[in-house]
């Protein structure tokens, strides 16, 4: 879907550039070129705003927000733990999950391991922090708890 919008706004940008350089409206109606310049500038501005919001701004987002126990993570939203406690509990399973994943890594070395590691951590984290769950009535948390079980 992102490719579609990228191509769409590239077309919008090129159309704006075409209007500014070639001036087709001014030539067809024998008028001044200000209408072409205005429309072209507007189209180019819309395309540049899209590029800024969709591609450039996410580069500046703080990665700690989306990491486990970050501000927007399921652990921060669905459990009643402070960030330090949550982070310590999450990382306490690093070695255990690594040992569980070792046979998979040896058997299929090219497998993407992050989803498997994440699920391992999430299941063990939920097991020890089960009674700290909060907001279990929200769709986001219900989906998260269903996914890790």
N, C-alpha and C. Protein backbone atom coordinates (compact mmCIF):
# COMPACT_ATOMS: atom_id res chain seq x y z
N UNK A 1 0.82 -1.19 0.00
CA UNK A 1 0.00 0.00 0.00
C UNK A 1 0.87 1.26 0.00
N UNK A 2 2.01 1.16 0.70
CA UNK A 2 2.91 2.30 0.77
C UNK A 2 3.48 2.62 -0.61
N UNK A 3 3.71 1.58 -1.41
CA UNK A 3 4.23 1.79 -2.76
C UNK A 3 3.22 2.56 -3.60
N UNK A 4 1.94 2.20 -3.45
CA UNK A 4 0.89 2.90 -4.19
C UNK A 4 0.90 4.38 -3.87
N UNK A 5 0.92 4.72 -2.58
CA UNK A 5 0.90 6.14 -2.20
C UNK A 5 2.18 6.84 -2.63
N UNK A 6 3.29 6.15 -2.57
CA UNK A 6 4.54 6.75 -3.03
C UNK A 6 4.48 7.08 -4.51
N UNK A 7 3.98 6.16 -5.31
CA UNK A 7 3.85 6.41 -6.75
C UNK A 7 2.82 7.49 -7.04
N UNK A 8 1.73 7.49 -6.27
CA UNK A 8 0.70 8.51 -6.46
C UNK A 8 1.27 9.91 -6.21
N UNK A 9 1.97 10.08 -5.11
CA UNK A 9 2.51 11.41 -4.80
C UNK A 9 3.71 11.77 -5.68
N UNK A 10 4.41 10.79 -6.20
CA UNK A 10 5.44 11.07 -7.19
C UNK A 10 4.78 11.64 -8.46
N UNK A 11 3.66 11.05 -8.85
CA UNK A 11 2.91 11.55 -10.01
C UNK A 11 2.41 12.96 -9.75
N UNK A 12 1.90 13.22 -8.54
CA UNK A 12 1.44 14.56 -8.18
C UNK A 12 2.59 15.56 -8.27
N UNK A 13 3.75 15.17 -7.76
CA UNK A 13 4.92 16.05 -7.82
C UNK A 13 5.32 16.34 -9.26
N UNK A 14 5.37 15.29 -10.07
CA UNK A 14 5.76 15.48 -11.48
C UNK A 14 4.73 16.32 -12.24
N UNK A 15 3.45 16.14 -11.92
CA UNK A 15 2.42 16.96 -12.54
C UNK A 15 2.61 18.44 -12.16
N UNK A 16 2.92 18.69 -10.90
CA UNK A 16 3.20 20.05 -10.46
C UNK A 16 4.41 20.64 -11.17
N UNK A 17 5.44 19.85 -11.31
CA UNK A 17 6.63 20.30 -12.02
C UNK A 17 6.32 20.59 -13.49
N UNK A 18 5.53 19.72 -14.10
CA UNK A 18 5.12 19.92 -15.49
C UNK A 18 4.34 21.23 -15.64
N UNK A 19 3.41 21.48 -14.72
CA UNK A 19 2.64 22.72 -14.79
C UNK A 19 3.53 23.95 -14.65
N UNK A 20 4.52 23.86 -13.80
CA UNK A 20 5.39 25.03 -13.58
C UNK A 20 6.33 25.27 -14.76
N UNK A 21 6.81 24.22 -15.40
CA UNK A 21 7.82 24.37 -16.45
C UNK A 21 7.18 24.60 -17.83
N UNK A 22 6.19 23.81 -18.17
CA UNK A 22 5.61 23.85 -19.51
C UNK A 22 4.49 24.88 -19.64
N UNK A 23 3.79 25.18 -18.56
CA UNK A 23 2.68 26.15 -18.55
C UNK A 23 1.58 25.78 -19.55
N UNK A 24 0.99 24.58 -19.50
CA UNK A 24 -0.01 24.18 -20.49
C UNK A 24 -1.32 24.97 -20.39
N UNK A 25 -1.72 25.36 -19.21
CA UNK A 25 -2.97 26.10 -19.05
C UNK A 25 -2.83 27.49 -19.67
N UNK A 26 -1.72 28.14 -19.42
CA UNK A 26 -1.49 29.48 -19.97
C UNK A 26 -1.42 29.44 -21.49
N UNK A 27 -0.83 28.41 -22.04
CA UNK A 27 -0.72 28.31 -23.50
C UNK A 27 -2.07 28.02 -24.14
N UNK A 28 -2.87 27.17 -23.50
CA UNK A 28 -4.16 26.81 -24.08
C UNK A 28 -5.14 27.97 -24.05
N UNK A 29 -5.17 28.72 -22.96
CA UNK A 29 -6.16 29.79 -22.81
C UNK A 29 -5.56 31.18 -23.00
N UNK A 30 -4.35 31.28 -23.49
CA UNK A 30 -3.64 32.54 -23.72
C UNK A 30 -3.76 33.48 -22.51
N UNK A 31 -3.45 32.94 -21.34
CA UNK A 31 -3.49 33.75 -20.13
C UNK A 31 -2.09 33.82 -19.53
N UNK A 32 -2.00 34.50 -18.39
CA UNK A 32 -0.70 34.58 -17.73
C UNK A 32 -0.35 33.22 -17.12
N UNK A 33 0.88 33.04 -16.84
CA UNK A 33 1.36 31.75 -16.32
C UNK A 33 1.19 31.60 -14.81
N UNK A 34 0.55 32.57 -14.17
CA UNK A 34 0.43 32.51 -12.70
C UNK A 34 -0.46 31.36 -12.24
N UNK A 35 -1.46 30.99 -13.02
CA UNK A 35 -2.31 29.86 -12.64
C UNK A 35 -1.50 28.56 -12.67
N UNK A 36 -0.69 28.40 -13.69
CA UNK A 36 0.18 27.21 -13.76
C UNK A 36 1.16 27.18 -12.59
N UNK A 37 1.74 28.31 -12.30
CA UNK A 37 2.70 28.38 -11.18
C UNK A 37 2.02 28.07 -9.85
N UNK A 38 0.83 28.62 -9.65
CA UNK A 38 0.11 28.39 -8.40
C UNK A 38 -0.29 26.94 -8.22
N UNK A 39 -0.90 26.36 -9.26
CA UNK A 39 -1.29 24.95 -9.18
C UNK A 39 -0.08 24.04 -9.06
N UNK A 40 0.95 24.31 -9.85
CA UNK A 40 2.16 23.50 -9.78
C UNK A 40 2.81 23.56 -8.41
N UNK A 41 2.90 24.75 -7.86
CA UNK A 41 3.49 24.90 -6.52
C UNK A 41 2.66 24.18 -5.47
N UNK A 42 1.35 24.29 -5.59
CA UNK A 42 0.47 23.61 -4.62
C UNK A 42 0.62 22.10 -4.69
N UNK A 43 0.63 21.55 -5.89
CA UNK A 43 0.79 20.10 -6.05
C UNK A 43 2.15 19.62 -5.53
N UNK A 44 3.19 20.38 -5.83
CA UNK A 44 4.51 20.00 -5.34
C UNK A 44 4.58 20.09 -3.82
N UNK A 45 3.93 21.09 -3.24
CA UNK A 45 3.92 21.23 -1.78
C UNK A 45 3.21 20.05 -1.12
N UNK A 46 2.07 19.63 -1.69
CA UNK A 46 1.34 18.48 -1.14
C UNK A 46 2.22 17.23 -1.20
N UNK A 47 2.90 17.02 -2.32
CA UNK A 47 3.77 15.84 -2.45
C UNK A 47 4.93 15.90 -1.46
N UNK A 48 5.52 17.07 -1.28
CA UNK A 48 6.63 17.19 -0.33
C UNK A 48 6.18 17.00 1.11
N UNK A 49 4.97 17.45 1.43
CA UNK A 49 4.42 17.23 2.78
C UNK A 49 4.25 15.73 3.02
N UNK A 50 3.74 15.01 2.01
CA UNK A 50 3.60 13.55 2.14
C UNK A 50 4.96 12.89 2.40
N UNK A 51 5.95 13.26 1.61
CA UNK A 51 7.28 12.66 1.76
C UNK A 51 7.83 12.94 3.16
N UNK A 52 7.62 14.16 3.63
CA UNK A 52 8.10 14.52 4.95
C UNK A 52 7.42 13.70 6.04
N UNK A 53 6.09 13.62 6.00
CA UNK A 53 5.36 12.92 7.05
C UNK A 53 5.51 11.40 6.98
N UNK A 54 5.55 10.84 5.78
CA UNK A 54 5.55 9.39 5.65
C UNK A 54 6.95 8.77 5.66
N UNK A 55 7.95 9.51 5.22
CA UNK A 55 9.27 8.90 5.07
C UNK A 55 10.37 9.54 5.93
N UNK A 56 10.31 10.83 6.12
CA UNK A 56 11.39 11.50 6.85
C UNK A 56 11.12 11.53 8.35
N UNK A 57 9.92 11.90 8.77
CA UNK A 57 9.62 12.02 10.20
C UNK A 57 9.79 10.70 10.97
N UNK A 58 9.40 9.55 10.42
CA UNK A 58 9.62 8.31 11.18
C UNK A 58 11.10 8.03 11.48
N UNK A 59 12.00 8.60 10.70
CA UNK A 59 13.43 8.41 10.96
C UNK A 59 13.86 9.07 12.27
N UNK A 60 13.12 10.08 12.69
CA UNK A 60 13.48 10.82 13.90
C UNK A 60 12.73 10.34 15.13
N UNK A 61 11.88 9.33 14.98
CA UNK A 61 11.13 8.82 16.12
C UNK A 61 12.08 8.11 17.08
N UNK A 62 11.86 8.31 18.33
CA UNK A 62 12.69 7.69 19.36
C UNK A 62 12.44 6.18 19.36
N UNK A 63 13.48 5.41 19.16
CA UNK A 63 13.33 3.96 19.08
C UNK A 63 12.93 3.35 20.42
N UNK A 64 13.26 4.00 21.50
CA UNK A 64 12.93 3.46 22.81
C UNK A 64 11.42 3.44 23.04
N UNK A 65 10.68 4.20 22.25
CA UNK A 65 9.23 4.22 22.39
C UNK A 65 8.62 2.90 21.96
N UNK A 66 9.15 2.30 20.90
CA UNK A 66 8.56 1.08 20.37
C UNK A 66 9.27 -0.19 20.83
N UNK A 67 10.35 -0.08 21.55
CA UNK A 67 11.06 -1.25 22.08
C UNK A 67 10.24 -1.88 23.20
N UNK A 68 10.52 -3.15 23.54
CA UNK A 68 9.81 -3.74 24.68
C UNK A 68 9.95 -2.86 25.92
N UNK A 69 8.83 -2.61 26.56
CA UNK A 69 8.72 -1.75 27.74
C UNK A 69 8.85 -0.26 27.39
N UNK A 70 8.85 0.08 26.12
CA UNK A 70 8.83 1.49 25.71
C UNK A 70 7.44 2.06 25.90
N UNK A 71 7.29 3.35 25.69
CA UNK A 71 6.02 4.04 25.98
C UNK A 71 4.83 3.51 25.19
N UNK A 72 5.06 3.07 23.96
CA UNK A 72 3.96 2.60 23.12
C UNK A 72 3.94 1.08 22.98
N UNK A 73 4.72 0.40 23.77
CA UNK A 73 4.79 -1.06 23.66
C UNK A 73 3.62 -1.70 24.41
N UNK A 74 3.27 -2.93 24.04
CA UNK A 74 2.20 -3.62 24.77
C UNK A 74 2.53 -3.82 26.25
N UNK A 75 3.82 -3.96 26.57
CA UNK A 75 4.19 -4.15 27.97
C UNK A 75 3.88 -2.89 28.79
N UNK A 76 4.10 -1.73 28.23
CA UNK A 76 3.82 -0.49 28.96
C UNK A 76 2.33 -0.21 29.02
N UNK A 77 1.60 -0.57 27.96
CA UNK A 77 0.18 -0.26 27.91
C UNK A 77 -0.65 -1.26 28.69
N UNK A 78 -0.31 -2.53 28.61
CA UNK A 78 -1.16 -3.59 29.16
C UNK A 78 -0.76 -4.08 30.55
N UNK A 79 0.37 -3.63 31.07
CA UNK A 79 0.81 -4.05 32.40
C UNK A 79 1.03 -2.83 33.27
N UNK A 80 0.83 -2.97 34.55
CA UNK A 80 1.02 -1.88 35.49
C UNK A 80 2.39 -1.88 36.13
N UNK A 81 3.42 -1.79 35.32
CA UNK A 81 4.79 -1.79 35.82
C UNK A 81 5.51 -0.52 35.37
N UNK A 82 6.44 -0.04 36.18
CA UNK A 82 7.25 1.09 35.73
C UNK A 82 8.28 0.58 34.72
N UNK A 83 8.88 1.48 33.99
CA UNK A 83 9.77 1.13 32.88
C UNK A 83 10.97 0.31 33.32
N UNK A 84 11.58 0.67 34.44
CA UNK A 84 12.79 -0.03 34.90
C UNK A 84 12.46 -1.47 35.28
N UNK A 85 11.41 -1.66 36.06
CA UNK A 85 11.01 -3.01 36.47
C UNK A 85 10.63 -3.85 35.27
N UNK A 86 9.87 -3.25 34.38
CA UNK A 86 9.45 -3.94 33.17
C UNK A 86 10.66 -4.38 32.34
N UNK A 87 11.60 -3.48 32.18
CA UNK A 87 12.79 -3.76 31.38
C UNK A 87 13.63 -4.87 32.01
N UNK A 88 13.79 -4.81 33.32
CA UNK A 88 14.56 -5.85 34.00
C UNK A 88 13.88 -7.20 33.88
N UNK A 89 12.57 -7.22 34.05
CA UNK A 89 11.83 -8.48 33.93
C UNK A 89 11.93 -9.02 32.50
N UNK A 90 11.80 -8.14 31.53
CA UNK A 90 11.86 -8.56 30.12
C UNK A 90 13.23 -9.17 29.79
N UNK A 91 14.28 -8.48 30.19
CA UNK A 91 15.63 -8.92 29.83
C UNK A 91 16.15 -10.07 30.71
N UNK A 92 15.42 -10.39 31.77
CA UNK A 92 15.84 -11.51 32.60
C UNK A 92 15.68 -12.85 31.87
N UNK A 93 14.94 -12.85 30.76
CA UNK A 93 14.72 -14.08 30.01
C UNK A 93 15.61 -14.20 28.79
N UNK A 94 16.59 -13.33 28.65
CA UNK A 94 17.45 -13.36 27.47
C UNK A 94 18.14 -14.72 27.30
N UNK A 95 18.77 -15.20 28.35
CA UNK A 95 19.50 -16.47 28.27
C UNK A 95 18.56 -17.65 28.08
N UNK A 96 17.44 -17.65 28.81
CA UNK A 96 16.48 -18.75 28.72
C UNK A 96 15.92 -18.87 27.30
N UNK A 97 15.51 -17.73 26.75
CA UNK A 97 14.95 -17.76 25.40
C UNK A 97 16.02 -18.09 24.36
N UNK A 98 17.22 -17.65 24.60
CA UNK A 98 18.33 -17.97 23.68
C UNK A 98 18.56 -19.48 23.65
N UNK A 99 18.49 -20.14 24.82
CA UNK A 99 18.65 -21.59 24.88
C UNK A 99 17.50 -22.32 24.18
N UNK A 100 16.29 -21.77 24.30
CA UNK A 100 15.14 -22.39 23.64
C UNK A 100 15.22 -22.25 22.12
N UNK A 101 15.81 -21.18 21.65
CA UNK A 101 15.87 -20.91 20.22
C UNK A 101 17.09 -21.56 19.57
N UNK A 102 18.05 -21.94 20.37
CA UNK A 102 19.29 -22.51 19.82
C UNK A 102 19.04 -23.70 18.88
N UNK A 103 18.15 -24.65 19.22
CA UNK A 103 17.91 -25.75 18.26
C UNK A 103 17.32 -25.27 16.93
N UNK A 104 16.48 -24.27 16.98
CA UNK A 104 15.90 -23.72 15.74
C UNK A 104 17.00 -23.07 14.91
N UNK A 105 17.87 -22.34 15.57
CA UNK A 105 18.96 -21.67 14.86
C UNK A 105 19.90 -22.69 14.21
N UNK A 106 20.17 -23.78 14.91
CA UNK A 106 21.06 -24.82 14.35
C UNK A 106 20.38 -25.57 13.20
N UNK A 107 19.09 -25.81 13.35
CA UNK A 107 18.34 -26.56 12.34
C UNK A 107 18.10 -25.72 11.08
N UNK A 108 17.70 -24.45 11.28
CA UNK A 108 17.42 -23.56 10.15
C UNK A 108 18.11 -22.22 10.41
N UNK A 109 19.36 -22.09 10.02
CA UNK A 109 20.14 -20.89 10.34
C UNK A 109 19.64 -19.61 9.68
N UNK A 110 18.84 -19.71 8.63
CA UNK A 110 18.38 -18.49 7.95
C UNK A 110 17.00 -18.03 8.42
N UNK A 111 16.46 -18.67 9.44
CA UNK A 111 15.14 -18.30 9.94
C UNK A 111 15.18 -16.93 10.61
N UNK A 112 14.12 -16.16 10.41
CA UNK A 112 13.99 -14.90 11.14
C UNK A 112 13.66 -15.23 12.60
N UNK A 113 14.55 -14.86 13.48
CA UNK A 113 14.42 -15.27 14.87
C UNK A 113 13.74 -14.25 15.76
N UNK A 114 13.63 -13.00 15.32
CA UNK A 114 13.06 -11.98 16.21
C UNK A 114 11.63 -12.32 16.63
N UNK A 115 10.73 -12.72 15.71
CA UNK A 115 9.38 -13.04 16.17
C UNK A 115 9.34 -14.18 17.18
N UNK A 116 10.19 -15.17 16.98
CA UNK A 116 10.24 -16.31 17.91
C UNK A 116 10.78 -15.86 19.26
N UNK A 117 11.85 -15.07 19.24
CA UNK A 117 12.44 -14.56 20.47
C UNK A 117 11.45 -13.66 21.20
N UNK A 118 10.77 -12.80 20.45
CA UNK A 118 9.81 -11.87 21.07
C UNK A 118 8.69 -12.66 21.74
N UNK A 119 8.17 -13.67 21.07
CA UNK A 119 7.08 -14.46 21.65
C UNK A 119 7.55 -15.20 22.90
N UNK A 120 8.76 -15.72 22.87
CA UNK A 120 9.32 -16.39 24.04
C UNK A 120 9.39 -15.42 25.22
N UNK A 121 9.97 -14.25 24.98
CA UNK A 121 10.06 -13.24 26.03
C UNK A 121 8.67 -12.85 26.53
N UNK A 122 7.75 -12.63 25.60
CA UNK A 122 6.41 -12.17 25.97
C UNK A 122 5.68 -13.21 26.81
N UNK A 123 5.80 -14.47 26.45
CA UNK A 123 5.13 -15.52 27.22
C UNK A 123 5.70 -15.63 28.63
N UNK A 124 7.01 -15.60 28.75
CA UNK A 124 7.63 -15.71 30.07
C UNK A 124 7.36 -14.44 30.91
N UNK A 125 7.39 -13.29 30.24
CA UNK A 125 7.10 -12.03 30.92
C UNK A 125 5.67 -12.04 31.45
N UNK A 126 4.75 -12.52 30.64
CA UNK A 126 3.34 -12.55 31.05
C UNK A 126 3.14 -13.53 32.21
N UNK A 127 3.91 -14.60 32.19
CA UNK A 127 3.77 -15.60 33.26
C UNK A 127 4.13 -15.01 34.62
N UNK A 128 5.19 -14.20 34.67
CA UNK A 128 5.60 -13.66 35.98
C UNK A 128 4.90 -12.34 36.32
N UNK A 129 4.33 -11.68 35.34
CA UNK A 129 3.65 -10.39 35.61
C UNK A 129 2.15 -10.47 35.35
N UNK A 130 1.62 -11.68 35.36
CA UNK A 130 0.20 -11.88 35.06
C UNK A 130 -0.71 -11.03 35.94
N UNK A 131 -0.39 -10.94 37.21
CA UNK A 131 -1.25 -10.20 38.14
C UNK A 131 -1.06 -8.69 38.05
N UNK A 132 -0.14 -8.24 37.24
CA UNK A 132 0.05 -6.81 37.01
C UNK A 132 -0.63 -6.35 35.73
N UNK A 133 -1.41 -7.23 35.12
CA UNK A 133 -2.13 -6.83 33.91
C UNK A 133 -3.11 -5.71 34.25
N UNK A 134 -3.22 -4.78 33.31
CA UNK A 134 -4.24 -3.74 33.43
C UNK A 134 -4.80 -3.49 32.04
N UNK A 135 -5.90 -2.85 31.97
CA UNK A 135 -6.56 -2.55 30.69
C UNK A 135 -6.77 -3.82 29.85
N UNK A 136 -7.20 -4.87 30.51
CA UNK A 136 -7.45 -6.10 29.77
C UNK A 136 -8.73 -6.00 28.95
N UNK A 137 -9.49 -4.93 29.14
CA UNK A 137 -10.73 -4.76 28.40
C UNK A 137 -10.54 -4.06 27.06
N UNK A 138 -9.35 -3.51 26.80
CA UNK A 138 -9.13 -2.83 25.53
C UNK A 138 -8.83 -3.86 24.43
N UNK A 139 -9.20 -3.51 23.22
CA UNK A 139 -8.99 -4.41 22.08
C UNK A 139 -7.50 -4.67 21.85
N UNK A 140 -6.69 -3.63 22.03
CA UNK A 140 -5.25 -3.76 21.81
C UNK A 140 -4.66 -4.81 22.75
N UNK A 141 -4.98 -4.71 24.04
CA UNK A 141 -4.43 -5.65 25.02
C UNK A 141 -5.01 -7.05 24.85
N UNK A 142 -6.31 -7.15 24.56
CA UNK A 142 -6.90 -8.47 24.33
C UNK A 142 -6.21 -9.17 23.17
N UNK A 143 -5.95 -8.43 22.10
CA UNK A 143 -5.27 -9.00 20.93
C UNK A 143 -3.83 -9.42 21.29
N UNK A 144 -3.16 -8.57 22.06
CA UNK A 144 -1.79 -8.90 22.47
C UNK A 144 -1.76 -10.17 23.33
N UNK A 145 -2.66 -10.27 24.31
CA UNK A 145 -2.68 -11.44 25.19
C UNK A 145 -3.05 -12.70 24.40
N UNK A 146 -3.94 -12.56 23.43
CA UNK A 146 -4.31 -13.70 22.59
C UNK A 146 -3.14 -14.15 21.72
N UNK A 147 -2.36 -13.18 21.24
CA UNK A 147 -1.23 -13.49 20.35
C UNK A 147 -0.10 -14.22 21.08
N UNK A 148 0.09 -13.89 22.35
CA UNK A 148 1.23 -14.50 23.06
C UNK A 148 0.87 -15.84 23.71
N UNK A 149 -0.37 -16.18 23.72
CA UNK A 149 -0.77 -17.48 24.34
C UNK A 149 -0.61 -18.63 23.39
